[in-house]
Amino acid sequence: MSEFQEKRIAESQARKSVRKANQNRQYGNGAVPRFASKASAIVDLFAQYVEEQMLYETNTGKGCRVQKHHIESCSIKFMNVINLFMEQERTNVALVKQALNQNKEEEE
């Protein structure tokens, strides 16, 4: 994926998303546009996943059109995997923070 990937998410929307996660977090120069670009890549992955889950080829008649229930089903699966990953990462980050705090206390 290129650094110059097409953005599907506007910087204003990206800014809203990062603020929703933590209003007090500061973002460095270029971080919000990068967030928008990477979030766009996730949207593209989701679109690809929906396509790969379709059982019938395009333009073949009944069942070939993406419907709301296809999006819902794919979204549930996609979000479950993302949530599992995030929970594992929370545990990893908590362990790293704990190790950093122990090192800091030993230095004092």
Protein backbone atom coordinates (compact mmCIF):
# COMPACT_ATOMS: atom_id res chain seq x y z
CA MET A 1 0.00 0.00 0.00
CA SER A 2 1.45 3.31 -1.07
CA GLU A 3 1.96 6.34 1.15
CA PHE A 4 0.00 8.22 -1.50
CA GLN A 5 -3.00 5.94 -1.32
CA GLU A 6 -6.29 7.45 -2.30
CA LYS A 7 -8.07 8.83 0.75
CA ARG A 8 -11.70 7.84 1.14
CA ILE A 9 -11.99 9.47 4.53
CA ALA A 10 -11.72 13.24 4.74
CA GLU A 11 -9.31 14.77 7.23
CA SER A 12 -12.24 16.45 8.99
CA GLN A 13 -13.83 13.02 9.56
CA ALA A 14 -10.50 11.58 10.65
CA ARG A 15 -10.10 14.43 13.15
CA LYS A 16 -13.56 13.66 14.56
CA SER A 17 -12.63 10.00 14.95
CA VAL A 18 -9.36 10.62 16.76
CA ARG A 19 -11.04 13.15 19.04
CA LYS A 20 -13.76 10.62 19.82
CA ALA A 21 -11.07 8.18 20.95
CA ASN A 22 -9.41 10.77 23.23
CA GLN A 23 -10.19 14.49 23.22
CA ASN A 24 -6.97 15.32 25.06
CA ARG A 25 -4.55 13.47 22.78
CA GLN A 26 -2.33 15.68 20.67
CA TYR A 27 -1.41 14.66 17.14
CA GLY A 28 1.87 15.67 15.52
CA ASN A 29 2.33 17.28 12.14
CA GLY A 30 0.93 15.02 9.42
CA ALA A 31 -0.51 12.43 11.82
CA VAL A 32 -4.18 13.14 11.08
CA PRO A 33 -3.75 12.93 7.28
CA ARG A 34 -1.83 9.67 7.79
CA PHE A 35 -4.66 8.41 10.03
CA ALA A 36 -7.15 9.27 7.27
CA SER A 37 -5.07 7.39 4.71
CA LYS A 38 -4.71 4.28 6.88
CA ALA A 39 -8.40 4.36 7.86
CA SER A 40 -9.20 4.51 4.15
CA ALA A 41 -7.11 1.36 3.67
CA ILE A 42 -9.20 -0.38 6.34
CA VAL A 43 -12.39 0.67 4.51
CA ASP A 44 -10.92 -0.79 1.31
CA LEU A 45 -10.13 -4.06 3.13
CA PHE A 46 -13.69 -4.25 4.40
CA ALA A 47 -15.04 -3.70 0.87
CA GLN A 48 -12.75 -6.47 -0.38
CA TYR A 49 -13.94 -8.77 2.42
CA VAL A 50 -17.58 -8.15 1.51
CA GLU A 51 -16.80 -8.96 -2.11
CA GLU A 52 -14.98 -12.16 -1.18
CA GLN A 53 -17.96 -13.33 0.89
CA MET A 54 -20.41 -13.05 -1.99
CA LEU A 55 -21.49 -16.47 -3.18
CA TYR A 56 -22.56 -15.55 -6.72
CA GLU A 57 -20.60 -13.87 -9.49
CA THR A 58 -21.63 -10.36 -10.52
CA ASN A 59 -24.46 -9.96 -13.04
CA THR A 60 -25.54 -13.60 -12.82
CA GLY A 61 -29.05 -13.02 -11.54
CA LYS A 62 -30.67 -13.68 -8.20
CA GLY A 63 -28.29 -13.44 -5.25
CA CYS A 64 -25.50 -11.53 -6.98
CA ARG A 65 -26.36 -8.08 -5.58
CA VAL A 66 -24.84 -7.00 -2.26
CA GLN A 67 -27.66 -6.46 0.23
CA LYS A 68 -27.84 -4.91 3.70
CA HIS A 69 -27.70 -8.32 5.35
CA HIS A 70 -24.41 -9.07 3.55
CA ILE A 71 -22.91 -5.88 4.94
CA GLU A 72 -24.23 -6.64 8.44
CA SER A 73 -22.93 -10.20 8.42
CA CYS A 74 -19.50 -9.15 7.18
CA SER A 75 -19.38 -6.26 9.61
CA ILE A 76 -20.05 -8.51 12.59
CA LYS A 77 -17.29 -10.91 11.57
CA PHE A 78 -14.85 -8.11 10.73
CA MET A 79 -15.52 -6.25 13.98
CA ASN A 80 -15.18 -9.43 16.06
CA VAL A 81 -11.70 -10.01 14.66
CA ILE A 82 -10.72 -6.36 15.17
CA ASN A 83 -12.07 -6.36 18.73
CA LEU A 84 -10.16 -9.56 19.55
CA PHE A 85 -6.98 -8.04 18.14
CA MET A 86 -7.51 -4.82 20.12
CA GLU A 87 -8.06 -6.74 23.36
CA GLN A 88 -4.82 -8.67 22.81
CA GLU A 89 -3.01 -5.41 22.12
CA ARG A 90 -4.44 -3.80 25.28
CA THR A 91 -2.95 -6.67 27.28
CA ASN A 92 0.41 -6.30 25.51
CA VAL A 93 0.51 -2.53 26.05
CA ALA A 94 -0.45 -2.94 29.72
CA LEU A 95 2.48 -5.33 30.19
CA VAL A 96 4.88 -2.93 28.49
CA LYS A 97 3.64 -0.02 30.62
CA GLN A 98 4.08 -2.13 33.74
CA ALA A 99 7.66 -3.01 32.72
CA LEU A 100 8.45 0.64 31.99
CA ASN A 101 7.11 1.69 35.37
CA GLN A 102 9.21 -0.98 37.12
CA ASN A 103 12.34 0.23 35.30
CA LYS A 104 11.54 3.82 36.22
CA GLU A 105 11.11 2.88 39.90
CA GLU A 106 14.39 0.92 39.91
CA GLU A 107 16.23 3.92 38.48
CA GLU A 108 14.96 6.19 41.27
